[in-house]
Amino acid sequence: MASYRVETKRTPEQVIEMAEAYFGPDGLALDAVEQNPCCVYFEGGGGFVSVTAGTGANETTVDLETREWDYHVKQFMRAVA
């Protein structure tokens, strides 16, 4: 399992929407098994991706955890930043 963090000017809602588009049915086709306004958890392909977005003072902090999807998580981080 790997953990990552990235800061962004996007809102937490925008980050979660981007995660749904990137990892969900229209993207990598992972299943969103748990979701709420601040986080989403995907499973598929023998692994998982967890995305949590929270607001800080001036930026949104995005915490990601993954197993088997490291390359795609890093690509998503670049898109969000």
PDB file of N, CA and C in Angstrom:
ATOM      1  N   MET A   1       0.847  -1.174   0.000  1.00  0.00           N
ATOM      2  CA  MET A   1       0.000   0.000   0.000  1.00  0.00           C
ATOM      3  C   MET A   1       0.891   1.236   0.000  1.00  0.00           C
ATOM      4  N   ALA A   2       0.459   2.243  -0.734  1.00  0.00           N
ATOM      5  CA  ALA A   2       1.199   3.509  -0.800  1.00  0.00           C
ATOM      6  C   ALA A   2       0.273   4.656  -0.438  1.00  0.00           C
ATOM      7  N   SER A   3       0.833   5.679   0.191  1.00  0.00           N
ATOM      8  CA  SER A   3       0.080   6.871   0.568  1.00  0.00           C
ATOM      9  C   SER A   3       0.724   8.097  -0.048  1.00  0.00           C
ATOM     10  N   TYR A   4      -0.107   9.021  -0.496  1.00  0.00           N
ATOM     11  CA  TYR A   4       0.361  10.243  -1.140  1.00  0.00           C
ATOM     12  C   TYR A   4      -0.451  11.422  -0.634  1.00  0.00           C
ATOM     13  N   ARG A   5       0.108  12.615  -0.811  1.00  0.00           N
ATOM     14  CA  ARG A   5      -0.601  13.857  -0.460  1.00  0.00           C
ATOM     15  C   ARG A   5      -0.232  14.915  -1.488  1.00  0.00           C
ATOM     16  N   VAL A   6      -1.219  15.709  -1.875  1.00  0.00           N
ATOM     17  CA  VAL A   6      -1.002  16.812  -2.804  1.00  0.00           C
ATOM     18  C   VAL A   6      -1.887  17.978  -2.361  1.00  0.00           C
ATOM     19  N   GLU A   7      -1.418  19.197  -2.604  1.00  0.00           N
ATOM     20  CA  GLU A   7      -2.181  20.400  -2.309  1.00  0.00           C
ATOM     21  C   GLU A   7      -2.721  20.956  -3.626  1.00  0.00           C
ATOM     22  N   THR A   8      -3.924  21.547  -3.571  1.00  0.00           N
ATOM     23  CA  THR A   8      -4.533  22.095  -4.775  1.00  0.00           C
ATOM     24  C   THR A   8      -5.375  23.308  -4.427  1.00  0.00           C
ATOM     25  N   LYS A   9      -5.624  24.146  -5.407  1.00  0.00           N
ATOM     26  CA  LYS A   9      -6.514  25.301  -5.244  1.00  0.00           C
ATOM     27  C   LYS A   9      -7.972  24.901  -5.499  1.00  0.00           C
ATOM     28  N   ARG A  10      -8.205  23.686  -5.976  1.00  0.00           N
ATOM     29  CA  ARG A  10      -9.563  23.214  -6.244  1.00  0.00           C
ATOM     30  C   ARG A  10     -10.300  22.963  -4.935  1.00  0.00           C
ATOM     31  N   THR A  11     -11.620  23.007  -4.986  1.00  0.00           N
ATOM     32  CA  THR A  11     -12.420  22.711  -3.800  1.00  0.00           C
ATOM     33  C   THR A  11     -12.462  21.195  -3.579  1.00  0.00           C
ATOM     34  N   PRO A  12     -12.776  20.760  -2.366  1.00  0.00           N
ATOM     35  CA  PRO A  12     -12.914  19.317  -2.139  1.00  0.00           C
ATOM     36  C   PRO A  12     -13.952  18.684  -3.071  1.00  0.00           C
ATOM     37  N   GLU A  13     -15.036  19.392  -3.340  1.00  0.00           N
ATOM     38  CA  GLU A  13     -16.070  18.865  -4.234  1.00  0.00           C
ATOM     39  C   GLU A  13     -15.520  18.653  -5.639  1.00  0.00           C
ATOM     40  N   GLN A  14     -14.724  19.596  -6.122  1.00  0.00           N
ATOM     41  CA  GLN A  14     -14.116  19.463  -7.447  1.00  0.00           C
ATOM     42  C   GLN A  14     -13.162  18.273  -7.490  1.00  0.00           C
ATOM     43  N   VAL A  15     -12.389  18.092  -6.425  1.00  0.00           N
ATOM     44  CA  VAL A  15     -11.446  16.973  -6.361  1.00  0.00           C
ATOM     45  C   VAL A  15     -12.195  15.649  -6.426  1.00  0.00           C
ATOM     46  N   ILE A  16     -13.277  15.513  -5.667  1.00  0.00           N
ATOM     47  CA  ILE A  16     -14.041  14.268  -5.662  1.00  0.00           C
ATOM     48  C   ILE A  16     -14.678  14.032  -7.027  1.00  0.00           C
ATOM     49  N   GLU A  17     -15.195  15.074  -7.654  1.00  0.00           N
ATOM     50  CA  GLU A  17     -15.748  14.938  -9.005  1.00  0.00           C
ATOM     51  C   GLU A  17     -14.680  14.479  -9.992  1.00  0.00           C
ATOM     52  N   MET A  18     -13.491  15.042  -9.886  1.00  0.00           N
ATOM     53  CA  MET A  18     -12.397  14.628 -10.764  1.00  0.00           C
ATOM     54  C   MET A  18     -12.012  13.171 -10.516  1.00  0.00           C
ATOM     55  N   ALA A  19     -12.013  12.760  -9.246  1.00  0.00           N
ATOM     56  CA  ALA A  19     -11.688  11.376  -8.913  1.00  0.00           C
ATOM     57  C   ALA A  19     -12.721  10.424  -9.509  1.00  0.00           C
ATOM     58  N   GLU A  20     -13.998  10.792  -9.420  1.00  0.00           N
ATOM     59  CA  GLU A  20     -15.050   9.955  -9.998  1.00  0.00           C
ATOM     60  C   GLU A  20     -14.859   9.811 -11.503  1.00  0.00           C
ATOM     61  N   ALA A  21     -14.530  10.903 -12.166  1.00  0.00           N
ATOM     62  CA  ALA A  21     -14.331  10.866 -13.616  1.00  0.00           C
ATOM     63  C   ALA A  21     -13.097  10.057 -13.992  1.00  0.00           C
ATOM     64  N   TYR A  22     -12.040  10.174 -13.212  1.00  0.00           N
ATOM     65  CA  TYR A  22     -10.775   9.510 -13.543  1.00  0.00           C
ATOM     66  C   TYR A  22     -10.797   8.018 -13.209  1.00  0.00           C
ATOM     67  N   PHE A  23     -11.256   7.677 -12.000  1.00  0.00           N
ATOM     68  CA  PHE A  23     -11.191   6.290 -11.551  1.00  0.00           C
ATOM     69  C   PHE A  23     -12.484   5.508 -11.779  1.00  0.00           C
ATOM     70  N   GLY A  24     -13.612   6.209 -11.915  1.00  0.00           N
ATOM     71  CA  GLY A  24     -14.917   5.565 -11.992  1.00  0.00           C
ATOM     72  C   GLY A  24     -15.244   4.940 -13.335  1.00  0.00           C
ATOM     73  N   PRO A  25     -16.546   4.691 -13.588  1.00  0.00           N
ATOM     74  CA  PRO A  25     -16.995   3.950 -14.769  1.00  0.00           C
ATOM     75  C   PRO A  25     -16.575   4.558 -16.102  1.00  0.00           C
ATOM     76  N   ASP A  26     -16.495   5.879 -16.179  1.00  0.00           N
ATOM     77  CA  ASP A  26     -16.111   6.525 -17.436  1.00  0.00           C
ATOM     78  C   ASP A  26     -14.601   6.686 -17.580  1.00  0.00           C
ATOM     79  N   GLY A  27     -13.853   6.281 -16.562  1.00  0.00           N
ATOM     80  CA  GLY A  27     -12.390   6.372 -16.592  1.00  0.00           C
ATOM     81  C   GLY A  27     -11.771   4.992 -16.561  1.00  0.00           C
ATOM     82  N   LEU A  28     -11.185   4.648 -15.429  1.00  0.00           N
ATOM     83  CA  LEU A  28     -10.519   3.353 -15.278  1.00  0.00           C
ATOM     84  C   LEU A  28     -11.479   2.226 -14.903  1.00  0.00           C
ATOM     85  N   ALA A  29     -12.747   2.544 -14.742  1.00  0.00           N
ATOM     86  CA  ALA A  29     -13.812   1.564 -14.485  1.00  0.00           C
ATOM     87  C   ALA A  29     -13.682   0.852 -13.140  1.00  0.00           C
ATOM     88  N   LEU A  30     -13.147   1.560 -12.142  1.00  0.00           N
ATOM     89  CA  LEU A  30     -13.155   1.006 -10.791  1.00  0.00           C
ATOM     90  C   LEU A  30     -14.535   1.250 -10.177  1.00  0.00           C
ATOM     91  N   ASP A  31     -14.896   0.413  -9.224  1.00  0.00           N
ATOM     92  CA  ASP A  31     -16.185   0.540  -8.550  1.00  0.00           C
ATOM     93  C   ASP A  31     -16.066   1.463  -7.343  1.00  0.00           C
ATOM     94  N   ALA A  32     -16.908   2.483  -7.278  1.00  0.00           N
ATOM     95  CA  ALA A  32     -16.965   3.354  -6.102  1.00  0.00           C
ATOM     96  C   ALA A  32     -17.815   2.637  -5.062  1.00  0.00           C
ATOM     97  N   VAL A  33     -17.171   2.107  -4.029  1.00  0.00           N
ATOM     98  CA  VAL A  33     -17.892   1.313  -3.034  1.00  0.00           C
ATOM     99  C   VAL A  33     -18.296   2.138  -1.813  1.00  0.00           C
ATOM    100  N   GLU A  34     -17.688   3.300  -1.663  1.00  0.00           N
ATOM    101  CA  GLU A  34     -18.051   4.201  -0.564  1.00  0.00           C
ATOM    102  C   GLU A  34     -17.786   5.625  -1.018  1.00  0.00           C
ATOM    103  N   GLN A  35     -18.747   6.515  -0.719  1.00  0.00           N
ATOM    104  CA  GLN A  35     -18.580   7.885  -1.189  1.00  0.00           C
ATOM    105  C   GLN A  35     -19.364   8.846  -0.303  1.00  0.00           C
ATOM    106  N   ASN A  36     -18.776  10.006  -0.038  1.00  0.00           N
ATOM    107  CA  ASN A  36     -19.464  11.118   0.601  1.00  0.00           C
ATOM    108  C   ASN A  36     -18.814  12.402   0.105  1.00  0.00           C
ATOM    109  N   PRO A  37     -19.266  13.573   0.521  1.00  0.00           N
ATOM    110  CA  PRO A  37     -18.754  14.821  -0.058  1.00  0.00           C
ATOM    111  C   PRO A  37     -17.248  15.040   0.060  1.00  0.00           C
ATOM    112  N   CYS A  38     -16.587  14.403   1.030  1.00  0.00           N
ATOM    113  CA  CYS A  38     -15.151  14.653   1.209  1.00  0.00           C
ATOM    114  C   CYS A  38     -14.264  13.503   0.760  1.00  0.00           C
ATOM    115  N   CYS A  39     -14.839  12.363   0.439  1.00  0.00           N
ATOM    116  CA  CYS A  39     -13.976  11.238   0.082  1.00  0.00           C
ATOM    117  C   CYS A  39     -14.716  10.200  -0.761  1.00  0.00           C
ATOM    118  N   VAL A  40     -13.905   9.406  -1.437  1.00  0.00           N
ATOM    119  CA  VAL A  40     -14.445   8.322  -2.253  1.00  0.00           C
ATOM    120  C   VAL A  40     -13.446   7.171  -2.229  1.00  0.00           C
ATOM    121  N   TYR A  41     -13.976   5.952  -2.217  1.00  0.00           N
ATOM    122  CA  TYR A  41     -13.149   4.745  -2.140  1.00  0.00           C
ATOM    123  C   TYR A  41     -13.520   3.851  -3.310  1.00  0.00           C
ATOM    124  N   PHE A  42     -12.529   3.513  -4.129  1.00  0.00           N
ATOM    125  CA  PHE A  42     -12.735   2.683  -5.318  1.00  0.00           C
ATOM    126  C   PHE A  42     -12.053   1.335  -5.133  1.00  0.00           C
ATOM    127  N   GLU A  43     -12.653   0.298  -5.708  1.00  0.00           N
ATOM    128  CA  GLU A  43     -12.031  -1.023  -5.737  1.00  0.00           C
ATOM    129  C   GLU A  43     -12.096  -1.575  -7.154  1.00  0.00           C
ATOM    130  N   GLY A  44     -11.133  -2.434  -7.460  1.00  0.00           N
ATOM    131  CA  GLY A  44     -11.119  -3.107  -8.749  1.00  0.00           C
ATOM    132  C   GLY A  44      -9.711  -3.483  -9.146  1.00  0.00           C
ATOM    133  N   GLY A  45      -9.610  -4.442 -10.045  1.00  0.00           N
ATOM    134  CA  GLY A  45      -8.313  -4.852 -10.550  1.00  0.00           C
ATOM    135  C   GLY A  45      -7.379  -5.393  -9.497  1.00  0.00           C
ATOM    136  N   GLY A  46      -7.923  -5.945  -8.421  1.00  0.00           N
ATOM    137  CA  GLY A  46      -7.088  -6.500  -7.365  1.00  0.00           C
ATOM    138  C   GLY A  46      -6.540  -5.475  -6.388  1.00  0.00           C
ATOM    139  N   GLY A  47      -7.033  -4.257  -6.475  1.00  0.00           N
ATOM    140  CA  GLY A  47      -6.534  -3.216  -5.578  1.00  0.00           C
ATOM    141  C   GLY A  47      -7.601  -2.204  -5.238  1.00  0.00           C
ATOM    142  N   PHE A  48      -7.173  -1.043  -4.766  1.00  0.00           N
ATOM    143  CA  PHE A  48      -8.100   0.008  -4.369  1.00  0.00           C
ATOM    144  C   PHE A  48      -7.448   1.365  -4.506  1.00  0.00           C
ATOM    145  N   VAL A  49      -8.282   2.399  -4.487  1.00  0.00           N
ATOM    146  CA  VAL A  49      -7.842   3.791  -4.436  1.00  0.00           C
ATOM    147  C   VAL A  49      -8.774   4.520  -3.481  1.00  0.00           C
ATOM    148  N   SER A  50      -8.208   5.232  -2.522  1.00  0.00           N
ATOM    149  CA  SER A  50      -8.966   6.049  -1.590  1.00  0.00           C
ATOM    150  C   SER A  50      -8.541   7.506  -1.785  1.00  0.00           C
ATOM    151  N   VAL A  51      -9.528   8.388  -1.964  1.00  0.00           N
ATOM    152  CA  VAL A  51      -9.264   9.814  -2.159  1.00  0.00           C
ATOM    153  C   VAL A  51     -10.025  10.586  -1.088  1.00  0.00           C
ATOM    154  N   THR A  52      -9.294  11.384  -0.299  1.00  0.00           N
ATOM    155  CA  THR A  52      -9.902  12.214   0.734  1.00  0.00           C
ATOM    156  C   THR A  52      -9.451  13.653   0.523  1.00  0.00           C
ATOM    157  N   ALA A  53     -10.410  14.574   0.467  1.00  0.00           N
ATOM    158  CA  ALA A  53     -10.099  15.981   0.231  1.00  0.00           C
ATOM    159  C   ALA A  53     -10.623  16.816   1.392  1.00  0.00           C
ATOM    160  N   GLY A  54      -9.758  17.639   1.961  1.00  0.00           N
ATOM    161  CA  GLY A  54     -10.150  18.502   3.073  1.00  0.00           C
ATOM    162  C   GLY A  54      -9.593  19.893   2.897  1.00  0.00           C
ATOM    163  N   THR A  55     -10.330  20.884   3.348  1.00  0.00           N
ATOM    164  CA  THR A  55      -9.906  22.263   3.188  1.00  0.00           C
ATOM    165  C   THR A  55      -8.944  22.672   4.289  1.00  0.00           C
ATOM    166  N   GLY A  56      -7.913  23.387   3.868  1.00  0.00           N
ATOM    167  CA  GLY A  56      -6.969  23.981   4.790  1.00  0.00           C
ATOM    168  C   GLY A  56      -7.170  25.486   4.781  1.00  0.00           C
ATOM    169  N   ALA A  57      -6.160  26.206   5.199  1.00  0.00           N
ATOM    170  CA  ALA A  57      -6.254  27.662   5.263  1.00  0.00           C
ATOM    171  C   ALA A  57      -6.440  28.283   3.878  1.00  0.00           C
ATOM    172  N   ASN A  58      -5.595  27.906   2.941  1.00  0.00           N
ATOM    173  CA  ASN A  58      -5.645  28.501   1.604  1.00  0.00           C
ATOM    174  C   ASN A  58      -5.789  27.479   0.490  1.00  0.00           C
ATOM    175  N   GLU A  59      -5.635  26.214   0.811  1.00  0.00           N
ATOM    176  CA  GLU A  59      -5.659  25.176  -0.208  1.00  0.00           C
ATOM    177  C   GLU A  59      -6.441  23.967   0.292  1.00  0.00           C
ATOM    178  N   THR A  60      -6.722  23.080  -0.644  1.00  0.00           N
ATOM    179  CA  THR A  60      -7.339  21.802  -0.310  1.00  0.00           C
ATOM    180  C   THR A  60      -6.243  20.757  -0.260  1.00  0.00           C
ATOM    181  N   THR A  61      -6.230  19.976   0.792  1.00  0.00           N
ATOM    182  CA  THR A  61      -5.284  18.878   0.920  1.00  0.00           C
ATOM    183  C   THR A  61      -5.962  17.601   0.427  1.00  0.00           C
ATOM    184  N   VAL A  62      -5.288  16.887  -0.463  1.00  0.00           N
ATOM    185  CA  VAL A  62      -5.824  15.650  -1.010  1.00  0.00           C
ATOM    186  C   VAL A  62      -4.919  14.507  -0.567  1.00  0.00           C
ATOM    187  N   ASP A  63      -5.485  13.587   0.211  1.00  0.00           N
ATOM    188  CA  ASP A  63      -4.766  12.400   0.658  1.00  0.00           C
ATOM    189  C   ASP A  63      -5.244  11.210  -0.161  1.00  0.00           C
ATOM    190  N   LEU A  64      -4.284  10.453  -0.661  1.00  0.00           N
ATOM    191  CA  LEU A  64      -4.603   9.295  -1.478  1.00  0.00           C
ATOM    192  C   LEU A  64      -3.890   8.068  -0.934  1.00  0.00           C
ATOM    193  N   GLU A  65      -4.588   6.957  -0.929  1.00  0.00           N
ATOM    194  CA  GLU A  65      -3.995   5.669  -0.588  1.00  0.00           C
ATOM    195  C   GLU A  65      -4.336   4.710  -1.708  1.00  0.00           C
ATOM    196  N   THR A  66      -3.433   3.795  -2.011  1.00  0.00           N
ATOM    197  CA  THR A  66      -3.679   2.880  -3.105  1.00  0.00           C
ATOM    198  C   THR A  66      -2.921   1.573  -2.933  1.00  0.00           C
ATOM    199  N   ARG A  67      -3.442   0.581  -3.574  1.00  0.00           N
ATOM    200  CA  ARG A  67      -2.733  -0.682  -3.773  1.00  0.00           C
ATOM    201  C   ARG A  67      -3.009  -1.092  -5.211  1.00  0.00           C
ATOM    202  N   GLU A  68      -1.969  -1.317  -5.975  1.00  0.00           N
ATOM    203  CA  GLU A  68      -2.025  -1.746  -7.372  1.00  0.00           C
ATOM    204  C   GLU A  68      -2.324  -0.632  -8.374  1.00  0.00           C
ATOM    205  N   TRP A  69      -2.587   0.580  -7.936  1.00  0.00           N
ATOM    206  CA  TRP A  69      -2.930   1.655  -8.854  1.00  0.00           C
ATOM    207  C   TRP A  69      -2.001   2.857  -8.701  1.00  0.00           C
ATOM    208  N   ASP A  70      -0.761   2.654  -8.284  1.00  0.00           N
ATOM    209  CA  ASP A  70       0.175   3.749  -8.020  1.00  0.00           C
ATOM    210  C   ASP A  70       0.395   4.661  -9.226  1.00  0.00           C
ATOM    211  N   TYR A  71       0.617   4.084 -10.379  1.00  0.00           N
ATOM    212  CA  TYR A  71       0.874   4.893 -11.564  1.00  0.00           C
ATOM    213  C   TYR A  71      -0.291   5.843 -11.823  1.00  0.00           C
ATOM    214  N   HIS A  72      -1.505   5.322 -11.775  1.00  0.00           N
ATOM    215  CA  HIS A  72      -2.682   6.133 -12.067  1.00  0.00           C
ATOM    216  C   HIS A  72      -2.950   7.166 -10.972  1.00  0.00           C
ATOM    217  N   VAL A  73      -2.661   6.827  -9.738  1.00  0.00           N
ATOM    218  CA  VAL A  73      -2.801   7.806  -8.650  1.00  0.00           C
ATOM    219  C   VAL A  73      -1.835   8.967  -8.875  1.00  0.00           C
ATOM    220  N   LYS A  74      -0.616   8.675  -9.278  1.00  0.00           N
ATOM    221  CA  LYS A  74       0.356   9.743  -9.545  1.00  0.00           C
ATOM    222  C   LYS A  74      -0.102  10.618 -10.709  1.00  0.00           C
ATOM    223  N   GLN A  75      -0.695  10.018 -11.734  1.00  0.00           N
ATOM    224  CA  GLN A  75      -1.232  10.795 -12.858  1.00  0.00           C
ATOM    225  C   GLN A  75      -2.385  11.687 -12.395  1.00  0.00           C
ATOM    226  N   PHE A  76      -3.244  11.141 -11.542  1.00  0.00           N
ATOM    227  CA  PHE A  76      -4.357  11.919 -11.002  1.00  0.00           C
ATOM    228  C   PHE A  76      -3.843  13.090 -10.168  1.00  0.00           C
ATOM    229  N   MET A  77      -2.813  12.858  -9.386  1.00  0.00           N
ATOM    230  CA  MET A  77      -2.229  13.921  -8.559  1.00  0.00           C
ATOM    231  C   MET A  77      -1.735  15.069  -9.436  1.00  0.00           C
ATOM    232  N   ARG A  78      -1.127  14.750 -10.546  1.00  0.00           N
ATOM    233  CA  ARG A  78      -0.646  15.803 -11.467  1.00  0.00           C
ATOM    234  C   ARG A  78      -1.822  16.604 -12.021  1.00  0.00           C
ATOM    235  N   ALA A  79      -2.916  15.919 -12.326  1.00  0.00           N
ATOM    236  CA  ALA A  79      -4.089  16.601 -12.889  1.00  0.00           C
ATOM    237  C   ALA A  79      -4.758  17.503 -11.861  1.00  0.00           C
ATOM    238  N   VAL A  80      -4.755  17.093 -10.603  1.00  0.00           N
ATOM    239  CA  VAL A  80      -5.421  17.847  -9.544  1.00  0.00           C
ATOM    240  C   VAL A  80      -4.596  19.053  -9.105  1.00  0.00           C
ATOM    241  N   ALA A  81      -3.284  18.911  -9.105  1.00  0.00           N
ATOM    242  CA  ALA A  81      -2.399  19.962  -8.560  1.00  0.00           C
ATOM    243  C   ALA A  81      -2.481  21.256  -9.323  1.00  0.00           C
TER     244      ALA A  81
END
